[in-house]
Amino acid sequence: MEKTNVLRLLDNAGVPYRALEYSADDGRIDALAIAEKTGIPPEQCFKTLVTENPAHEHFVFVMPATSGLDLKKAARISKSKSIAMILQKTLLPLTGYVHGGCSPVGMKKQFPTFIEETAQLYDEIGVSGGRIGLTVVINPIHLADFIGAQFADLEKSAE
């Protein structure tokens, strides 16, 4: 397995993880498909969402595959008037990652990061390993400590 920046950073910091590779040949790279392909329960397979506020400040939200990000809650926790998803074409230049391979670990710049609080219910969660086809299974507390993230209630309520 080719080491990504994510794996190198975690190795150098001594943060324990497991790396799981999966095939993306079918083009299915959303978090639910990754959960299915890796055997990680969907509520423990997390996606990395990058957002921007009107002041052009960026924030990262790490959400379960089974949930949507509540933009009002995201704005409140980031102390922003409002918050919106960034355009897909700006993801690579901003973070160094492509859509489907965006990890909360090792972005070009460490943006304020918030992890959905339900992650704390599990010993391990899956997040992108820094490229399409690679997931890192990691303890959510270790992840939050390593990237300086906060846990928060970010899920959209079931309407």
C-alpha atoms as a PDB file:
ATOM      1  CA  MET A   1       0.000   0.000   0.000  1.00  0.00           C
ATOM      2  CA  GLU A   2       1.315   3.400  -0.987  1.00  0.00           C
ATOM      3  CA  LYS A   3       1.709   5.670   2.056  1.00  0.00           C
ATOM      4  CA  THR A   4      -0.338   8.848   1.838  1.00  0.00           C
ATOM      5  CA  ASN A   5       0.440  12.037   3.715  1.00  0.00           C
ATOM      6  CA  VAL A   6      -2.320  11.046   6.172  1.00  0.00           C
ATOM      7  CA  LEU A   7      -0.618   7.727   6.981  1.00  0.00           C
ATOM      8  CA  ARG A   8       2.818   9.356   7.287  1.00  0.00           C
ATOM      9  CA  LEU A   9       1.498  12.042   9.658  1.00  0.00           C
ATOM     10  CA  LEU A  10      -0.292   9.495  11.859  1.00  0.00           C
ATOM     11  CA  ASP A  11       2.769   7.205  11.865  1.00  0.00           C
ATOM     12  CA  ASN A  12       5.120  10.075  12.784  1.00  0.00           C
ATOM     13  CA  ALA A  13       2.832  11.100  15.655  1.00  0.00           C
ATOM     14  CA  GLY A  14       2.436   7.519  16.889  1.00  0.00           C
ATOM     15  CA  VAL A  15      -1.348   7.650  16.476  1.00  0.00           C
ATOM     16  CA  PRO A  16      -2.719   4.107  16.076  1.00  0.00           C
ATOM     17  CA  TYR A  17      -4.932   3.394  13.053  1.00  0.00           C
ATOM     18  CA  ARG A  18      -5.810   0.711  10.534  1.00  0.00           C
ATOM     19  CA  ALA A  19      -5.740   1.433   6.810  1.00  0.00           C
ATOM     20  CA  LEU A  20      -8.368  -0.225   4.604  1.00  0.00           C
ATOM     21  CA  GLU A  21      -8.228  -0.133   0.827  1.00  0.00           C
ATOM     22  CA  TYR A  22     -11.339  -0.471  -1.332  1.00  0.00           C
ATOM     23  CA  SER A  23     -12.068  -0.451  -5.044  1.00  0.00           C
ATOM     24  CA  ALA A  24     -13.473   2.728  -6.562  1.00  0.00           C
ATOM     25  CA  ASP A  25     -13.687   1.208 -10.054  1.00  0.00           C
ATOM     26  CA  ASP A  26     -17.488   1.420  -9.960  1.00  0.00           C
ATOM     27  CA  GLY A  27     -17.323   5.190  -9.332  1.00  0.00           C
ATOM     28  CA  ARG A  28     -19.131   4.872  -5.998  1.00  0.00           C
ATOM     29  CA  ILE A  29     -17.040   6.935  -3.580  1.00  0.00           C
ATOM     30  CA  ASP A  30     -19.670   8.384  -1.248  1.00  0.00           C
ATOM     31  CA  ALA A  31     -19.443   7.543   2.452  1.00  0.00           C
ATOM     32  CA  LEU A  32     -22.324   5.038   2.353  1.00  0.00           C
ATOM     33  CA  ALA A  33     -20.684   3.124  -0.506  1.00  0.00           C
ATOM     34  CA  ILE A  34     -17.348   3.170   1.325  1.00  0.00           C
ATOM     35  CA  ALA A  35     -19.032   1.775   4.448  1.00  0.00           C
ATOM     36  CA  GLU A  36     -20.490  -1.042   2.350  1.00  0.00           C
ATOM     37  CA  LYS A  37     -17.150  -1.777   0.646  1.00  0.00           C
ATOM     38  CA  THR A  38     -15.039  -1.725   3.835  1.00  0.00           C
ATOM     39  CA  GLY A  39     -17.540  -3.369   6.195  1.00  0.00           C
ATOM     40  CA  ILE A  40     -17.517  -0.336   8.502  1.00  0.00           C
ATOM     41  CA  PRO A  41     -21.026   0.281   9.909  1.00  0.00           C
ATOM     42  CA  PRO A  42     -22.446   3.351   8.066  1.00  0.00           C
ATOM     43  CA  GLU A  43     -22.891   5.325  11.292  1.00  0.00           C
ATOM     44  CA  GLN A  44     -19.140   4.843  11.937  1.00  0.00           C
ATOM     45  CA  CYS A  45     -18.003   5.772   8.423  1.00  0.00           C
ATOM     46  CA  PHE A  46     -17.437   9.529   8.355  1.00  0.00           C
ATOM     47  CA  LYS A  47     -17.242  12.037   5.496  1.00  0.00           C
ATOM     48  CA  THR A  48     -15.182  15.237   5.533  1.00  0.00           C
ATOM     49  CA  LEU A  49     -17.071  18.370   4.500  1.00  0.00           C
ATOM     50  CA  VAL A  50     -15.315  21.689   3.841  1.00  0.00           C
ATOM     51  CA  THR A  51     -17.297  24.902   4.231  1.00  0.00           C
ATOM     52  CA  GLU A  52     -16.866  28.653   3.999  1.00  0.00           C
ATOM     53  CA  ASN A  53     -18.505  31.580   5.751  1.00  0.00           C
ATOM     54  CA  PRO A  54     -19.217  35.054   4.275  1.00  0.00           C
ATOM     55  CA  ALA A  55     -15.840  36.281   5.623  1.00  0.00           C
ATOM     56  CA  HIS A  56     -14.151  33.568   3.467  1.00  0.00           C
ATOM     57  CA  GLU A  57     -13.013  31.622   6.541  1.00  0.00           C
ATOM     58  CA  HIS A  58     -13.008  27.850   6.109  1.00  0.00           C
ATOM     59  CA  PHE A  59     -14.262  25.174   8.483  1.00  0.00           C
ATOM     60  CA  VAL A  60     -14.179  21.389   8.312  1.00  0.00           C
ATOM     61  CA  PHE A  61     -17.022  19.185   9.507  1.00  0.00           C
ATOM     62  CA  VAL A  62     -16.618  15.417   9.927  1.00  0.00           C
ATOM     63  CA  MET A  63     -20.006  13.722   9.641  1.00  0.00           C
ATOM     64  CA  PRO A  64     -21.343  10.151   9.654  1.00  0.00           C
ATOM     65  CA  ALA A  65     -22.339   8.707   6.277  1.00  0.00           C
ATOM     66  CA  THR A  66     -25.883   8.432   7.620  1.00  0.00           C
ATOM     67  CA  SER A  67     -26.286  12.144   8.474  1.00  0.00           C
ATOM     68  CA  GLY A  68     -26.480  15.514   6.831  1.00  0.00           C
ATOM     69  CA  LEU A  69     -24.750  18.607   8.158  1.00  0.00           C
ATOM     70  CA  ASP A  70     -27.142  21.145   9.701  1.00  0.00           C
ATOM     71  CA  LEU A  71     -25.781  24.409   8.270  1.00  0.00           C
ATOM     72  CA  LYS A  72     -27.419  26.493  11.031  1.00  0.00           C
ATOM     73  CA  LYS A  73     -25.721  24.403  13.723  1.00  0.00           C
ATOM     74  CA  ALA A  74     -22.460  24.612  11.738  1.00  0.00           C
ATOM     75  CA  ALA A  75     -22.713  28.407  11.546  1.00  0.00           C
ATOM     76  CA  ARG A  76     -23.445  28.642  15.275  1.00  0.00           C
ATOM     77  CA  ILE A  77     -20.533  26.394  16.342  1.00  0.00           C
ATOM     78  CA  SER A  78     -18.121  28.204  13.985  1.00  0.00           C
ATOM     79  CA  LYS A  79     -19.375  31.615  15.167  1.00  0.00           C
ATOM     80  CA  SER A  80     -20.322  32.533  11.594  1.00  0.00           C
ATOM     81  CA  LYS A  81     -23.347  34.442  10.278  1.00  0.00           C
ATOM     82  CA  SER A  82     -23.912  31.623   7.825  1.00  0.00           C
ATOM     83  CA  ILE A  83     -21.986  28.760   6.314  1.00  0.00           C
ATOM     84  CA  ALA A  84     -22.046  27.024   2.941  1.00  0.00           C
ATOM     85  CA  MET A  85     -20.306  24.097   1.298  1.00  0.00           C
ATOM     86  CA  ILE A  86     -17.341  25.158  -0.833  1.00  0.00           C
ATOM     87  CA  LEU A  87     -17.473  24.609  -4.577  1.00  0.00           C
ATOM     88  CA  GLN A  88     -16.072  21.211  -5.544  1.00  0.00           C
ATOM     89  CA  LYS A  89     -13.539  22.828  -7.914  1.00  0.00           C
ATOM     90  CA  THR A  90     -11.975  24.752  -4.991  1.00  0.00           C
ATOM     91  CA  LEU A  91     -11.452  21.640  -2.828  1.00  0.00           C
ATOM     92  CA  LEU A  92      -8.127  20.507  -4.315  1.00  0.00           C
ATOM     93  CA  PRO A  93      -6.396  23.921  -4.359  1.00  0.00           C
ATOM     94  CA  LEU A  94      -7.665  24.695  -0.839  1.00  0.00           C
ATOM     95  CA  THR A  95      -7.042  21.362   0.914  1.00  0.00           C
ATOM     96  CA  GLY A  96      -4.723  19.354  -1.331  1.00  0.00           C
ATOM     97  CA  TYR A  97      -7.390  16.647  -1.558  1.00  0.00           C
ATOM     98  CA  VAL A  98      -9.812  15.594  -4.287  1.00  0.00           C
ATOM     99  CA  HIS A  99     -13.537  15.047  -3.805  1.00  0.00           C
ATOM    100  CA  GLY A 100     -13.971  11.542  -2.390  1.00  0.00           C
ATOM    101  CA  GLY A 101     -10.453  11.526  -0.926  1.00  0.00           C
ATOM    102  CA  CYS A 102     -10.635  14.495   1.442  1.00  0.00           C
ATOM    103  CA  SER A 103      -9.308  13.669   4.911  1.00  0.00           C
ATOM    104  CA  PRO A 104      -9.528  15.794   8.053  1.00  0.00           C
ATOM    105  CA  VAL A 105      -5.843  14.883   8.562  1.00  0.00           C
ATOM    106  CA  GLY A 106      -3.079  16.629   6.616  1.00  0.00           C
ATOM    107  CA  MET A 107      -4.857  19.381   4.720  1.00  0.00           C
ATOM    108  CA  LYS A 108      -2.608  22.104   3.262  1.00  0.00           C
ATOM    109  CA  LYS A 109      -3.765  24.303   6.161  1.00  0.00           C
ATOM    110  CA  GLN A 110      -5.343  23.089   9.388  1.00  0.00           C
ATOM    111  CA  PHE A 111      -8.785  24.682   9.409  1.00  0.00           C
ATOM    112  CA  PRO A 112     -11.001  24.724  12.508  1.00  0.00           C
ATOM    113  CA  THR A 113     -12.516  21.245  12.559  1.00  0.00           C
ATOM    114  CA  PHE A 114     -15.644  19.893  14.211  1.00  0.00           C
ATOM    115  CA  ILE A 115     -16.588  16.218  14.487  1.00  0.00           C
ATOM    116  CA  GLU A 116     -20.209  15.128  14.919  1.00  0.00           C
ATOM    117  CA  GLU A 117     -20.506  14.244  18.619  1.00  0.00           C
ATOM    118  CA  THR A 118     -21.935  10.762  17.937  1.00  0.00           C
ATOM    119  CA  ALA A 119     -18.397   9.727  16.898  1.00  0.00           C
ATOM    120  CA  GLN A 120     -17.609   9.510  20.617  1.00  0.00           C
ATOM    121  CA  LEU A 121     -20.020   6.576  20.934  1.00  0.00           C
ATOM    122  CA  TYR A 122     -17.581   4.344  19.045  1.00  0.00           C
ATOM    123  CA  ASP A 123     -14.104   2.958  19.698  1.00  0.00           C
ATOM    124  CA  GLU A 124     -13.299   3.462  16.004  1.00  0.00           C
ATOM    125  CA  ILE A 125     -14.566   5.497  13.083  1.00  0.00           C
ATOM    126  CA  GLY A 126     -13.518   5.503   9.446  1.00  0.00           C
ATOM    127  CA  VAL A 127     -12.301   8.658   7.684  1.00  0.00           C
ATOM    128  CA  SER A 128     -10.625   9.179   4.336  1.00  0.00           C
ATOM    129  CA  GLY A 129      -7.002   8.119   4.165  1.00  0.00           C
ATOM    130  CA  GLY A 130      -6.175  10.987   1.823  1.00  0.00           C
ATOM    131  CA  ARG A 131      -6.991   9.432  -1.536  1.00  0.00           C
ATOM    132  CA  ILE A 132      -9.904   7.704  -3.201  1.00  0.00           C
ATOM    133  CA  GLY A 133      -9.722   3.997  -2.319  1.00  0.00           C
ATOM    134  CA  LEU A 134      -8.240   4.394   1.167  1.00  0.00           C
ATOM    135  CA  THR A 135      -9.981   4.665   4.531  1.00  0.00           C
ATOM    136  CA  VAL A 136      -8.324   5.075   7.917  1.00  0.00           C
ATOM    137  CA  VAL A 137     -10.000   3.439  10.915  1.00  0.00           C
ATOM    138  CA  ILE A 138      -9.088   5.428  14.012  1.00  0.00           C
ATOM    139  CA  ASN A 139     -10.263   6.156  17.547  1.00  0.00           C
ATOM    140  CA  PRO A 140     -12.322   9.386  17.340  1.00  0.00           C
ATOM    141  CA  ILE A 141     -10.745  10.842  20.501  1.00  0.00           C
ATOM    142  CA  HIS A 142      -7.238  10.234  19.105  1.00  0.00           C
ATOM    143  CA  LEU A 143      -8.317  11.828  15.812  1.00  0.00           C
ATOM    144  CA  ALA A 144      -9.786  14.897  17.530  1.00  0.00           C
ATOM    145  CA  ASP A 145      -6.698  15.313  19.722  1.00  0.00           C
ATOM    146  CA  PHE A 146      -4.351  14.970  16.733  1.00  0.00           C
ATOM    147  CA  ILE A 147      -6.108  17.526  14.514  1.00  0.00           C
ATOM    148  CA  GLY A 148      -7.327  19.829  17.306  1.00  0.00           C
ATOM    149  CA  ALA A 149     -10.996  19.172  16.538  1.00  0.00           C
ATOM    150  CA  GLN A 150     -14.005  19.737  18.773  1.00  0.00           C
ATOM    151  CA  PHE A 151     -17.000  17.437  19.079  1.00  0.00           C
ATOM    152  CA  ALA A 152     -20.377  19.097  18.498  1.00  0.00           C
ATOM    153  CA  ASP A 153     -24.004  18.369  17.663  1.00  0.00           C
ATOM    154  CA  LEU A 154     -23.999  18.966  13.903  1.00  0.00           C
ATOM    155  CA  GLU A 155     -26.601  16.551  12.527  1.00  0.00           C
ATOM    156  CA  LYS A 156     -29.711  17.682  10.712  1.00  0.00           C
ATOM    157  CA  SER A 157     -32.743  16.759  12.773  1.00  0.00           C
ATOM    158  CA  ALA A 158     -35.109  14.252  11.254  1.00  0.00           C
ATOM    159  CA  GLU A 159     -38.039  16.334  10.018  1.00  0.00           C
END
